[in-house]
Amino acid sequence: MIKLLICEDQMILLDGIATAVSAYPDIEVVGKITDAEKIVDEIAKTGANALLTDVCTENGNNSLNYLSDVKKRYPSLKIVVMTGLPEISFAERAKQSGADSFVYKNVSTEELANVIRSTYGGYNVFPAQSRQDAVSDLTKQELTVLRYFCQGLDRKEIADKMCLSESSVKTHISNMLSKTGFNSISRLAIYVVSSGLIVPGDQID
């Protein structure tokens, strides 16, 4: 069960996000705060195992300034940073501060829930400048994993095909999501197939 703490300084958004993601049976909102300075105390109080936080919070506190300490105190906590601002440095700063994923507020509720789920599952989701360019930058092994996934194989089957451990395949998937900005491997697969970047029937070397 994902026990989610949400930090957002605009009450109407805070309540709206909490209500929206609570509709998913695997996500329980255990806390709502408006100031990033209170994150550590609220985690201790609620037992949250995931955090969704805006960058800019109440009292002028930037959550990115607190995440390193939060991650140090709670290393297993999964952190998703969100923003509605087109500040180009936020995503990289979030990653350096210890965030596991980063998302813009213009996503749908379903997409946000998928980002939270993927992050809780151990994947990293960060936006890419150009998804087509990002796919082109995938390593040979990452592309092989992606091609097998597009053919309908699951993680264990891909691991067997490539003589890898399942954890290695999971790492490759996480890297691909981080590079391309997709919140699930299924969405990435749909994109590359529909864009003609991968033809599922092609032989894999």
N, C-alpha and C. Protein backbone atom coordinates (compact mmCIF):
# COMPACT_ATOMS: atom_id res chain seq x y z
N MET A 1 0.84 -1.20 0.00
CA MET A 1 0.00 0.00 0.00
C MET A 1 0.88 1.25 0.00
N ILE A 2 0.60 2.18 -0.89
CA ILE A 2 1.33 3.43 -0.95
C ILE A 2 0.73 4.39 0.07
N LYS A 3 1.52 4.77 1.08
CA LYS A 3 1.07 5.72 2.09
C LYS A 3 1.69 7.07 1.74
N LEU A 4 0.87 7.94 1.16
CA LEU A 4 1.36 9.16 0.53
C LEU A 4 1.18 10.40 1.39
N LEU A 5 2.26 11.15 1.53
CA LEU A 5 2.22 12.47 2.15
C LEU A 5 2.29 13.50 1.01
N ILE A 6 1.40 14.48 1.02
CA ILE A 6 1.38 15.51 -0.03
C ILE A 6 1.73 16.86 0.58
N CYS A 7 2.65 17.57 -0.07
CA CYS A 7 3.03 18.92 0.35
C CYS A 7 2.75 19.88 -0.79
N GLU A 8 1.78 20.75 -0.60
CA GLU A 8 1.35 21.71 -1.63
C GLU A 8 0.79 22.93 -0.92
N ASP A 9 1.28 24.13 -1.30
CA ASP A 9 0.89 25.32 -0.55
C ASP A 9 -0.47 25.88 -0.90
N GLN A 10 -1.02 25.52 -2.04
CA GLN A 10 -2.36 26.01 -2.41
C GLN A 10 -3.40 24.99 -1.96
N MET A 11 -4.21 25.38 -0.99
CA MET A 11 -5.14 24.45 -0.34
C MET A 11 -6.09 23.79 -1.33
N ILE A 12 -6.58 24.57 -2.31
CA ILE A 12 -7.53 23.99 -3.25
C ILE A 12 -6.88 22.89 -4.09
N LEU A 13 -5.61 23.07 -4.43
CA LEU A 13 -4.87 22.04 -5.17
C LEU A 13 -4.54 20.87 -4.26
N LEU A 14 -4.14 21.18 -3.03
CA LEU A 14 -3.81 20.13 -2.07
C LEU A 14 -4.99 19.20 -1.85
N ASP A 15 -6.15 19.79 -1.59
CA ASP A 15 -7.35 18.97 -1.37
C ASP A 15 -7.76 18.23 -2.65
N GLY A 16 -7.62 18.91 -3.80
CA GLY A 16 -8.01 18.28 -5.06
C GLY A 16 -7.14 17.09 -5.41
N ILE A 17 -5.82 17.25 -5.25
CA ILE A 17 -4.90 16.16 -5.53
C ILE A 17 -5.14 15.00 -4.58
N ALA A 18 -5.31 15.33 -3.30
CA ALA A 18 -5.54 14.29 -2.29
C ALA A 18 -6.79 13.48 -2.60
N THR A 19 -7.87 14.18 -2.95
CA THR A 19 -9.12 13.50 -3.28
C THR A 19 -8.97 12.65 -4.53
N ALA A 20 -8.27 13.19 -5.54
CA ALA A 20 -8.13 12.49 -6.82
C ALA A 20 -7.32 11.21 -6.68
N VAL A 21 -6.14 11.28 -6.03
CA VAL A 21 -5.30 10.08 -5.95
C VAL A 21 -5.82 9.08 -4.93
N SER A 22 -6.61 9.56 -3.96
CA SER A 22 -7.21 8.65 -2.97
C SER A 22 -8.24 7.72 -3.60
N ALA A 23 -8.70 8.07 -4.79
CA ALA A 23 -9.69 7.24 -5.47
C ALA A 23 -9.08 5.93 -5.95
N TYR A 24 -7.75 5.87 -6.01
CA TYR A 24 -7.06 4.65 -6.43
C TYR A 24 -6.86 3.76 -5.21
N PRO A 25 -7.26 2.49 -5.29
CA PRO A 25 -7.26 1.61 -4.11
C PRO A 25 -5.89 1.34 -3.50
N ASP A 26 -4.82 1.54 -4.28
CA ASP A 26 -3.47 1.25 -3.76
C ASP A 26 -2.77 2.49 -3.23
N ILE A 27 -3.46 3.64 -3.22
CA ILE A 27 -2.87 4.88 -2.72
C ILE A 27 -3.71 5.42 -1.56
N GLU A 28 -3.08 5.56 -0.41
CA GLU A 28 -3.73 6.15 0.76
C GLU A 28 -3.02 7.44 1.12
N VAL A 29 -3.73 8.55 1.13
CA VAL A 29 -3.15 9.82 1.54
C VAL A 29 -3.17 9.88 3.06
N VAL A 30 -1.98 9.84 3.66
CA VAL A 30 -1.89 9.78 5.13
C VAL A 30 -1.60 11.15 5.74
N GLY A 31 -1.27 12.13 4.89
CA GLY A 31 -0.98 13.45 5.43
C GLY A 31 -1.00 14.52 4.36
N LYS A 32 -1.40 15.73 4.75
CA LYS A 32 -1.42 16.87 3.83
C LYS A 32 -0.80 18.07 4.56
N ILE A 33 0.25 18.66 3.98
CA ILE A 33 0.88 19.82 4.58
C ILE A 33 1.13 20.88 3.51
N THR A 34 1.38 22.09 3.95
CA THR A 34 1.58 23.19 3.00
C THR A 34 3.01 23.75 3.02
N ASP A 35 3.83 23.29 3.95
CA ASP A 35 5.18 23.83 4.11
C ASP A 35 6.20 22.69 4.11
N ALA A 36 7.19 22.77 3.20
CA ALA A 36 8.20 21.72 3.09
C ALA A 36 9.03 21.55 4.36
N GLU A 37 9.09 22.59 5.16
CA GLU A 37 9.85 22.53 6.41
C GLU A 37 9.26 21.48 7.37
N LYS A 38 7.98 21.12 7.17
CA LYS A 38 7.31 20.19 8.07
C LYS A 38 7.34 18.74 7.58
N ILE A 39 8.01 18.49 6.46
CA ILE A 39 7.99 17.15 5.85
C ILE A 39 8.52 16.09 6.81
N VAL A 40 9.68 16.30 7.39
CA VAL A 40 10.31 15.30 8.26
C VAL A 40 9.40 14.96 9.43
N ASP A 41 8.87 15.97 10.10
CA ASP A 41 7.99 15.74 11.26
C ASP A 41 6.72 14.99 10.85
N GLU A 42 6.19 15.33 9.67
CA GLU A 42 4.94 14.69 9.23
C GLU A 42 5.16 13.24 8.85
N ILE A 43 6.32 12.92 8.28
CA ILE A 43 6.63 11.52 7.97
C ILE A 43 6.69 10.71 9.25
N ALA A 44 7.36 11.26 10.26
CA ALA A 44 7.45 10.58 11.55
C ALA A 44 6.08 10.35 12.16
N LYS A 45 5.18 11.30 11.97
CA LYS A 45 3.84 11.22 12.55
C LYS A 45 2.94 10.24 11.80
N THR A 46 3.04 10.23 10.46
CA THR A 46 2.10 9.47 9.64
C THR A 46 2.61 8.11 9.17
N GLY A 47 3.94 7.92 9.19
CA GLY A 47 4.49 6.68 8.66
C GLY A 47 4.42 6.60 7.14
N ALA A 48 4.42 7.75 6.50
CA ALA A 48 4.36 7.79 5.04
C ALA A 48 5.55 7.07 4.42
N ASN A 49 5.30 6.35 3.31
CA ASN A 49 6.40 5.71 2.59
C ASN A 49 6.62 6.34 1.21
N ALA A 50 5.84 7.39 0.92
CA ALA A 50 5.98 8.12 -0.35
C ALA A 50 5.62 9.58 -0.12
N LEU A 51 6.29 10.45 -0.86
CA LEU A 51 6.07 11.89 -0.73
C LEU A 51 5.84 12.50 -2.10
N LEU A 52 4.78 13.29 -2.21
CA LEU A 52 4.52 14.08 -3.41
C LEU A 52 4.60 15.54 -2.97
N THR A 53 5.58 16.27 -3.48
CA THR A 53 5.75 17.65 -3.01
C THR A 53 5.93 18.63 -4.14
N ASP A 54 5.29 19.79 -4.00
CA ASP A 54 5.52 20.89 -4.92
C ASP A 54 6.91 21.44 -4.65
N VAL A 55 7.48 22.14 -5.62
CA VAL A 55 8.78 22.79 -5.41
C VAL A 55 8.61 23.99 -4.49
N CYS A 56 7.70 24.87 -4.84
CA CYS A 56 7.48 26.10 -4.05
C CYS A 56 6.37 25.86 -3.04
N THR A 57 6.70 26.00 -1.76
CA THR A 57 5.71 25.74 -0.72
C THR A 57 5.55 26.97 0.17
N GLU A 58 4.74 26.82 1.19
CA GLU A 58 4.38 27.94 2.06
C GLU A 58 5.61 28.57 2.73
N ASN A 59 5.49 29.85 3.07
CA ASN A 59 6.55 30.60 3.76
C ASN A 59 7.82 30.74 2.92
N GLY A 60 7.67 30.63 1.61
CA GLY A 60 8.80 30.78 0.71
C GLY A 60 9.79 29.63 0.75
N ASN A 61 9.38 28.50 1.32
CA ASN A 61 10.28 27.36 1.44
C ASN A 61 10.26 26.49 0.18
N ASN A 62 11.44 26.32 -0.40
CA ASN A 62 11.61 25.48 -1.58
C ASN A 62 11.89 24.06 -1.13
N SER A 63 11.05 23.13 -1.53
CA SER A 63 11.19 21.74 -1.06
C SER A 63 12.53 21.12 -1.46
N LEU A 64 13.12 21.61 -2.57
CA LEU A 64 14.39 21.04 -3.03
C LEU A 64 15.51 21.27 -2.02
N ASN A 65 15.34 22.26 -1.16
CA ASN A 65 16.35 22.54 -0.13
C ASN A 65 16.24 21.59 1.06
N TYR A 66 15.17 20.82 1.11
CA TYR A 66 14.93 19.93 2.26
C TYR A 66 15.08 18.45 1.91
N LEU A 67 15.07 18.13 0.63
CA LEU A 67 14.99 16.72 0.23
C LEU A 67 16.22 15.89 0.60
N SER A 68 17.41 16.49 0.56
CA SER A 68 18.61 15.73 0.93
C SER A 68 18.52 15.25 2.37
N ASP A 69 18.07 16.12 3.25
CA ASP A 69 17.92 15.74 4.66
C ASP A 69 16.81 14.72 4.84
N VAL A 70 15.70 14.91 4.10
CA VAL A 70 14.58 13.95 4.16
C VAL A 70 15.04 12.57 3.74
N LYS A 71 15.80 12.51 2.64
CA LYS A 71 16.26 11.22 2.11
C LYS A 71 17.28 10.58 3.05
N LYS A 72 18.07 11.40 3.70
CA LYS A 72 19.07 10.89 4.64
C LYS A 72 18.38 10.25 5.84
N ARG A 73 17.32 10.89 6.30
CA ARG A 73 16.58 10.37 7.46
C ARG A 73 15.69 9.19 7.10
N TYR A 74 15.14 9.22 5.88
CA TYR A 74 14.22 8.16 5.44
C TYR A 74 14.67 7.67 4.05
N PRO A 75 15.75 6.89 3.98
CA PRO A 75 16.31 6.48 2.69
C PRO A 75 15.38 5.64 1.82
N SER A 76 14.42 4.95 2.43
CA SER A 76 13.51 4.12 1.64
C SER A 76 12.29 4.90 1.13
N LEU A 77 12.14 6.14 1.60
CA LEU A 77 11.01 6.97 1.16
C LEU A 77 11.12 7.28 -0.32
N LYS A 78 10.03 7.13 -1.05
CA LYS A 78 9.99 7.46 -2.47
C LYS A 78 9.47 8.88 -2.63
N ILE A 79 10.23 9.71 -3.36
CA ILE A 79 9.90 11.13 -3.48
C ILE A 79 9.58 11.52 -4.91
N VAL A 80 8.39 12.10 -5.10
CA VAL A 80 8.00 12.66 -6.40
C VAL A 80 7.87 14.17 -6.23
N VAL A 81 8.62 14.91 -7.02
CA VAL A 81 8.55 16.37 -7.00
C VAL A 81 7.67 16.83 -8.16
N MET A 82 6.83 17.81 -7.89
CA MET A 82 5.97 18.34 -8.96
C MET A 82 6.08 19.86 -9.00
N THR A 83 5.78 20.43 -10.15
CA THR A 83 5.76 21.89 -10.27
C THR A 83 4.88 22.30 -11.44
N GLY A 84 4.39 23.54 -11.35
CA GLY A 84 3.64 24.10 -12.46
C GLY A 84 4.45 25.15 -13.18
N LEU A 85 5.71 25.33 -12.74
CA LEU A 85 6.58 26.36 -13.30
C LEU A 85 7.53 25.76 -14.35
N PRO A 86 7.73 26.45 -15.46
CA PRO A 86 8.62 25.93 -16.51
C PRO A 86 10.09 26.24 -16.26
N GLU A 87 10.52 26.13 -14.99
CA GLU A 87 11.91 26.43 -14.65
C GLU A 87 12.78 25.26 -15.07
N ILE A 88 13.70 25.49 -16.02
CA ILE A 88 14.43 24.37 -16.63
C ILE A 88 15.38 23.66 -15.67
N SER A 89 15.74 24.33 -14.55
CA SER A 89 16.71 23.70 -13.65
C SER A 89 16.06 22.81 -12.59
N PHE A 90 14.74 22.92 -12.43
CA PHE A 90 14.07 22.22 -11.33
C PHE A 90 14.25 20.70 -11.40
N ALA A 91 14.09 20.11 -12.58
CA ALA A 91 14.15 18.65 -12.69
C ALA A 91 15.53 18.13 -12.29
N GLU A 92 16.57 18.75 -12.79
CA GLU A 92 17.93 18.31 -12.46
C GLU A 92 18.24 18.56 -11.00
N ARG A 93 17.81 19.70 -10.47
CA ARG A 93 18.03 20.00 -9.06
C ARG A 93 17.27 19.00 -8.16
N ALA A 94 16.08 18.62 -8.60
CA ALA A 94 15.30 17.64 -7.84
C ALA A 94 16.04 16.30 -7.79
N LYS A 95 16.59 15.90 -8.92
CA LYS A 95 17.33 14.64 -8.99
C LYS A 95 18.55 14.68 -8.06
N GLN A 96 19.29 15.79 -8.10
CA GLN A 96 20.48 15.94 -7.28
C GLN A 96 20.13 16.02 -5.78
N SER A 97 18.93 16.48 -5.48
CA SER A 97 18.51 16.61 -4.08
C SER A 97 18.00 15.30 -3.49
N GLY A 98 17.83 14.29 -4.34
CA GLY A 98 17.39 13.00 -3.84
C GLY A 98 16.01 12.57 -4.28
N ALA A 99 15.35 13.39 -5.12
CA ALA A 99 14.02 13.01 -5.62
C ALA A 99 14.14 11.78 -6.52
N ASP A 100 13.14 10.92 -6.47
CA ASP A 100 13.12 9.72 -7.31
C ASP A 100 12.46 10.00 -8.65
N SER A 101 11.53 10.96 -8.68
CA SER A 101 10.82 11.29 -9.91
C SER A 101 10.43 12.77 -9.91
N PHE A 102 10.08 13.25 -11.10
CA PHE A 102 9.72 14.66 -11.27
C PHE A 102 8.60 14.74 -12.30
N VAL A 103 7.58 15.56 -12.00
CA VAL A 103 6.44 15.64 -12.90
C VAL A 103 5.89 17.06 -12.92
N TYR A 104 5.36 17.46 -14.07
CA TYR A 104 4.72 18.78 -14.17
C TYR A 104 3.24 18.65 -13.84
N LYS A 105 2.65 19.73 -13.34
CA LYS A 105 1.27 19.69 -12.87
C LYS A 105 0.23 19.62 -13.99
N ASN A 106 0.68 19.72 -15.24
CA ASN A 106 -0.30 19.66 -16.33
C ASN A 106 -0.65 18.23 -16.72
N VAL A 107 -0.18 17.23 -15.95
CA VAL A 107 -0.53 15.85 -16.24
C VAL A 107 -1.94 15.55 -15.73
N SER A 108 -2.52 14.49 -16.24
CA SER A 108 -3.84 14.07 -15.78
C SER A 108 -3.70 13.35 -14.44
N THR A 109 -4.83 13.15 -13.77
CA THR A 109 -4.82 12.41 -12.50
C THR A 109 -4.28 11.01 -12.71
N GLU A 110 -4.67 10.37 -13.80
CA GLU A 110 -4.21 9.01 -14.08
C GLU A 110 -2.70 8.98 -14.28
N GLU A 111 -2.18 9.97 -15.00
CA GLU A 111 -0.73 10.03 -15.22
C GLU A 111 0.01 10.27 -13.91
N LEU A 112 -0.54 11.15 -13.07
CA LEU A 112 0.08 11.41 -11.78
C LEU A 112 0.09 10.15 -10.92
N ALA A 113 -1.02 9.45 -10.90
CA ALA A 113 -1.10 8.20 -10.13
C ALA A 113 -0.09 7.18 -10.66
N ASN A 114 0.08 7.13 -11.97
CA ASN A 114 1.04 6.20 -12.57
C ASN A 114 2.47 6.55 -12.20
N VAL A 115 2.77 7.86 -12.14
CA VAL A 115 4.10 8.30 -11.73
C VAL A 115 4.35 7.88 -10.28
N ILE A 116 3.36 8.10 -9.42
CA ILE A 116 3.49 7.72 -8.00
C ILE A 116 3.70 6.22 -7.89
N ARG A 117 2.90 5.44 -8.62
CA ARG A 117 3.02 3.97 -8.57
C ARG A 117 4.38 3.51 -9.09
N SER A 118 4.80 4.05 -10.25
CA SER A 118 6.08 3.65 -10.84
C SER A 118 7.23 3.98 -9.90
N THR A 119 7.16 5.14 -9.28
CA THR A 119 8.20 5.55 -8.35
C THR A 119 8.23 4.64 -7.13
N TYR A 120 7.05 4.34 -6.60
CA TYR A 120 6.97 3.43 -5.46
C TYR A 120 7.50 2.05 -5.83
N GLY A 121 7.33 1.67 -7.09
CA GLY A 121 7.81 0.37 -7.57
C GLY A 121 9.30 0.33 -7.84
N GLY A 122 9.97 1.45 -7.65
CA GLY A 122 11.42 1.46 -7.80
C GLY A 122 11.95 2.10 -9.06
N TYR A 123 11.05 2.70 -9.86
CA TYR A 123 11.48 3.34 -11.10
C TYR A 123 11.64 4.85 -10.90
N ASN A 124 12.41 5.44 -11.79
CA ASN A 124 12.62 6.90 -11.76
C ASN A 124 12.01 7.50 -13.01
N VAL A 125 11.23 8.56 -12.84
CA VAL A 125 10.55 9.21 -13.96
C VAL A 125 10.94 10.69 -13.99
N PHE A 126 11.65 11.07 -15.04
CA PHE A 126 12.03 12.47 -15.21
C PHE A 126 11.73 12.89 -16.65
N PRO A 127 11.30 14.14 -16.85
CA PRO A 127 10.96 14.59 -18.20
C PRO A 127 12.18 14.69 -19.10
N ALA A 128 11.96 14.44 -20.37
CA ALA A 128 13.04 14.55 -21.36
C ALA A 128 12.76 15.74 -22.26
N GLN A 129 13.81 16.38 -22.76
CA GLN A 129 13.65 17.50 -23.68
C GLN A 129 12.93 17.05 -24.94
N SER A 130 13.40 15.96 -25.53
CA SER A 130 12.79 15.41 -26.73
C SER A 130 12.75 13.91 -26.59
N ARG A 131 11.55 13.36 -26.61
CA ARG A 131 11.44 11.92 -26.39
C ARG A 131 12.08 11.11 -27.51
N GLN A 132 11.95 11.59 -28.75
CA GLN A 132 12.54 10.86 -29.86
C GLN A 132 14.07 10.86 -29.74
N ASP A 133 14.63 12.02 -29.39
CA ASP A 133 16.08 12.10 -29.18
C ASP A 133 16.50 11.22 -28.02
N ALA A 134 15.68 11.22 -26.96
CA ALA A 134 16.01 10.42 -25.78
C ALA A 134 16.02 8.93 -26.11
N VAL A 135 15.07 8.48 -26.94
CA VAL A 135 15.04 7.08 -27.36
C VAL A 135 16.31 6.76 -28.16
N SER A 136 16.74 7.70 -28.99
CA SER A 136 17.95 7.50 -29.79
C SER A 136 19.19 7.37 -28.90
N ASP A 137 19.12 7.93 -27.70
CA ASP A 137 20.26 7.89 -26.79
C ASP A 137 20.29 6.65 -25.90
N LEU A 138 19.30 5.77 -26.03
CA LEU A 138 19.29 4.56 -25.22
C LEU A 138 20.46 3.66 -25.60
N THR A 139 21.01 2.97 -24.62
CA THR A 139 22.11 2.06 -24.90
C THR A 139 21.61 0.83 -25.65
N LYS A 140 22.53 0.04 -26.19
CA LYS A 140 22.16 -1.15 -26.95
C LYS A 140 21.36 -2.12 -26.08
N GLN A 141 21.79 -2.30 -24.82
CA GLN A 141 21.07 -3.22 -23.94
C GLN A 141 19.69 -2.69 -23.58
N GLU A 142 19.59 -1.38 -23.36
CA GLU A 142 18.29 -0.78 -23.06
C GLU A 142 17.33 -0.97 -24.23
N LEU A 143 17.83 -0.75 -25.43
CA LEU A 143 17.00 -0.94 -26.62
C LEU A 143 16.56 -2.39 -26.78
N THR A 144 17.46 -3.31 -26.45
CA THR A 144 17.12 -4.73 -26.54
C THR A 144 16.00 -5.07 -25.55
N VAL A 145 16.12 -4.56 -24.32
CA VAL A 145 15.06 -4.77 -23.32
C VAL A 145 13.75 -4.20 -23.84
N LEU A 146 13.81 -3.01 -24.39
CA LEU A 146 12.61 -2.35 -24.90
C LEU A 146 12.00 -3.13 -26.06
N ARG A 147 12.84 -3.63 -26.96
CA ARG A 147 12.33 -4.41 -28.10
C ARG A 147 11.62 -5.68 -27.62
N TYR A 148 12.22 -6.35 -26.64
CA TYR A 148 11.59 -7.56 -26.11
C TYR A 148 10.25 -7.22 -25.44
N PHE A 149 10.23 -6.10 -24.71
CA PHE A 149 8.99 -5.69 -24.06
C PHE A 149 7.91 -5.41 -25.11
N CYS A 150 8.31 -4.78 -26.21
CA CYS A 150 7.37 -4.49 -27.29
C CYS A 150 6.83 -5.76 -27.93
N GLN A 151 7.57 -6.85 -27.79
CA GLN A 151 7.13 -8.14 -28.32
C GLN A 151 6.22 -8.87 -27.33
N GLY A 152 6.02 -8.27 -26.15
CA GLY A 152 5.09 -8.86 -25.18
C GLY A 152 5.73 -9.68 -24.09
N LEU A 153 7.06 -9.67 -23.98
CA LEU A 153 7.73 -10.43 -22.93
C LEU A 153 7.70 -9.68 -21.61
N ASP A 154 7.63 -10.43 -20.51
CA ASP A 154 7.68 -9.77 -19.20
C ASP A 154 9.12 -9.72 -18.71
N ARG A 155 9.32 -9.16 -17.52
CA ARG A 155 10.69 -8.95 -17.02
C ARG A 155 11.47 -10.24 -16.88
N LYS A 156 10.84 -11.29 -16.37
CA LYS A 156 11.53 -12.57 -16.17
C LYS A 156 11.92 -13.17 -17.52
N GLU A 157 11.02 -13.11 -18.48
CA GLU A 157 11.31 -13.66 -19.80
C GLU A 157 12.44 -12.89 -20.48
N ILE A 158 12.43 -11.57 -20.31
CA ILE A 158 13.50 -10.74 -20.89
C ILE A 158 14.83 -11.08 -20.23
N ALA A 159 14.81 -11.25 -18.91
CA ALA A 159 16.03 -11.60 -18.18
C ALA A 159 16.60 -12.92 -18.68
N ASP A 160 15.72 -13.91 -18.89
CA ASP A 160 16.16 -15.22 -19.40
C ASP A 160 16.74 -15.09 -20.81
N LYS A 161 16.09 -14.32 -21.66
CA LYS A 161 16.54 -14.14 -23.04
C LYS A 161 17.92 -13.49 -23.09
N MET A 162 18.15 -12.52 -22.20
CA MET A 162 19.38 -11.73 -22.24
C MET A 162 20.44 -12.24 -21.26
N CYS A 163 20.11 -13.33 -20.55
CA CYS A 163 21.03 -13.88 -19.55
C CYS A 163 21.40 -12.84 -18.49
N LEU A 164 20.37 -12.13 -18.03
CA LEU A 164 20.54 -11.12 -17.00
C LEU A 164 19.68 -11.47 -15.80
N SER A 165 19.92 -10.80 -14.68
CA SER A 165 19.03 -10.94 -13.53
C SER A 165 17.81 -10.04 -13.75
N GLU A 166 16.71 -10.36 -13.07
CA GLU A 166 15.52 -9.51 -13.17
C GLU A 166 15.81 -8.11 -12.65
N SER A 167 16.68 -8.00 -11.65
CA SER A 167 17.00 -6.67 -11.11
C SER A 167 17.76 -5.83 -12.14
N SER A 168 18.58 -6.49 -12.98
CA SER A 168 19.29 -5.76 -14.04
C SER A 168 18.31 -5.25 -15.08
N VAL A 169 17.32 -6.07 -15.41
CA VAL A 169 16.29 -5.65 -16.37
C VAL A 169 15.51 -4.48 -15.78
N LYS A 170 15.19 -4.58 -14.49
CA LYS A 170 14.46 -3.49 -13.82
C LYS A 170 15.27 -2.20 -13.87
N THR A 171 16.59 -2.31 -13.68
CA THR A 171 17.46 -1.13 -13.74
C THR A 171 17.45 -0.52 -15.13
N HIS A 172 17.51 -1.37 -16.16
CA HIS A 172 17.46 -0.87 -17.54
C HIS A 172 16.14 -0.13 -17.80
N ILE A 173 15.04 -0.70 -17.31
CA ILE A 173 13.73 -0.06 -17.49
C ILE A 173 13.70 1.29 -16.78
N SER A 174 14.22 1.32 -15.55
CA SER A 174 14.25 2.56 -14.79
C SER A 174 15.06 3.63 -15.52
N ASN A 175 16.19 3.23 -16.08
CA ASN A 175 17.03 4.17 -16.82
C ASN A 175 16.31 4.71 -18.05
N MET A 176 15.58 3.83 -18.73
CA MET A 176 14.85 4.25 -19.93
C MET A 176 13.74 5.25 -19.58
N LEU A 177 13.03 4.99 -18.49
CA LEU A 177 11.96 5.91 -18.07
C LEU A 177 12.55 7.26 -17.67
N SER A 178 13.69 7.21 -17.00
CA SER A 178 14.35 8.45 -16.59
C SER A 178 14.79 9.27 -17.79
N LYS A 179 15.31 8.59 -18.82
CA LYS A 179 15.81 9.28 -20.01
C LYS A 179 14.68 9.84 -20.87
N THR A 180 13.58 9.10 -20.95
CA THR A 180 12.52 9.47 -21.89
C THR A 180 11.37 10.25 -21.26
N GLY A 181 11.25 10.20 -19.91
CA GLY A 181 10.18 10.94 -19.26
C GLY A 181 8.85 10.23 -19.20
N PHE A 182 8.79 8.97 -19.66
CA PHE A 182 7.53 8.22 -19.57
C PHE A 182 7.37 7.67 -18.16
N ASN A 183 6.11 7.51 -17.72
CA ASN A 183 5.88 7.04 -16.35
C ASN A 183 5.67 5.54 -16.24
N SER A 184 5.70 4.84 -17.36
CA SER A 184 5.63 3.38 -17.32
C SER A 184 6.24 2.82 -18.60
N ILE A 185 6.76 1.61 -18.51
CA ILE A 185 7.37 0.98 -19.67
C ILE A 185 6.32 0.69 -20.75
N SER A 186 5.08 0.47 -20.32
CA SER A 186 3.99 0.23 -21.29
C SER A 186 3.76 1.45 -22.17
N ARG A 187 3.75 2.63 -21.55
CA ARG A 187 3.55 3.87 -22.32
C ARG A 187 4.73 4.14 -23.25
N LEU A 188 5.93 3.84 -22.79
CA LEU A 188 7.10 4.00 -23.65
C LEU A 188 7.01 3.06 -24.85
N ALA A 189 6.59 1.82 -24.59
CA ALA A 189 6.47 0.83 -25.67
C ALA A 189 5.43 1.28 -26.69
N ILE A 190 4.29 1.78 -26.21
CA ILE A 190 3.25 2.27 -27.12
C ILE A 190 3.79 3.41 -27.98
N TYR A 191 4.56 4.30 -27.35
CA TYR A 191 5.11 5.46 -28.07
C TYR A 191 6.08 5.02 -29.17
N VAL A 192 7.02 4.14 -28.84
CA VAL A 192 8.04 3.77 -29.84
C VAL A 192 7.44 2.96 -30.98
N VAL A 193 6.43 2.15 -30.66
CA VAL A 193 5.79 1.36 -31.72
C VAL A 193 4.92 2.25 -32.60
N SER A 194 4.10 3.11 -31.98
CA SER A 194 3.21 3.98 -32.75
C SER A 194 3.99 5.01 -33.56
N SER A 195 5.19 5.38 -33.08
CA SER A 195 6.02 6.35 -33.79
C SER A 195 6.88 5.70 -34.86
N GLY A 196 6.86 4.38 -34.90
CA GLY A 196 7.67 3.67 -35.89
C GLY A 196 9.13 3.57 -35.51
N LEU A 197 9.46 3.91 -34.25
CA LEU A 197 10.86 3.85 -33.81
C LEU A 197 11.30 2.42 -33.57
N ILE A 198 10.35 1.56 -33.24
CA ILE A 198 10.61 0.13 -33.08
C ILE A 198 9.53 -0.65 -33.78
N VAL A 199 9.93 -1.64 -34.55
CA VAL A 199 8.99 -2.53 -35.20
C VAL A 199 9.02 -3.84 -34.42
N PRO A 200 7.94 -4.19 -33.71
CA PRO A 200 7.96 -5.35 -32.80
C PRO A 200 8.37 -6.66 -33.47
N GLY A 201 8.06 -6.82 -34.73
CA GLY A 201 8.36 -8.07 -35.41
C GLY A 201 9.80 -8.22 -35.85
N ASP A 202 10.59 -7.14 -35.75
CA ASP A 202 12.00 -7.20 -36.18
C ASP A 202 12.80 -8.19 -35.36
N GLN A 203 13.74 -8.85 -36.03
CA GLN A 203 14.60 -9.79 -35.33
C GLN A 203 15.54 -9.02 -34.41
N ILE A 204 15.77 -9.57 -33.22
CA ILE A 204 16.65 -8.93 -32.25
C ILE A 204 17.99 -9.64 -32.28
N ASP A 205 19.06 -8.88 -32.52
CA ASP A 205 20.40 -9.47 -32.60
C ASP A 205 20.86 -9.95 -31.22
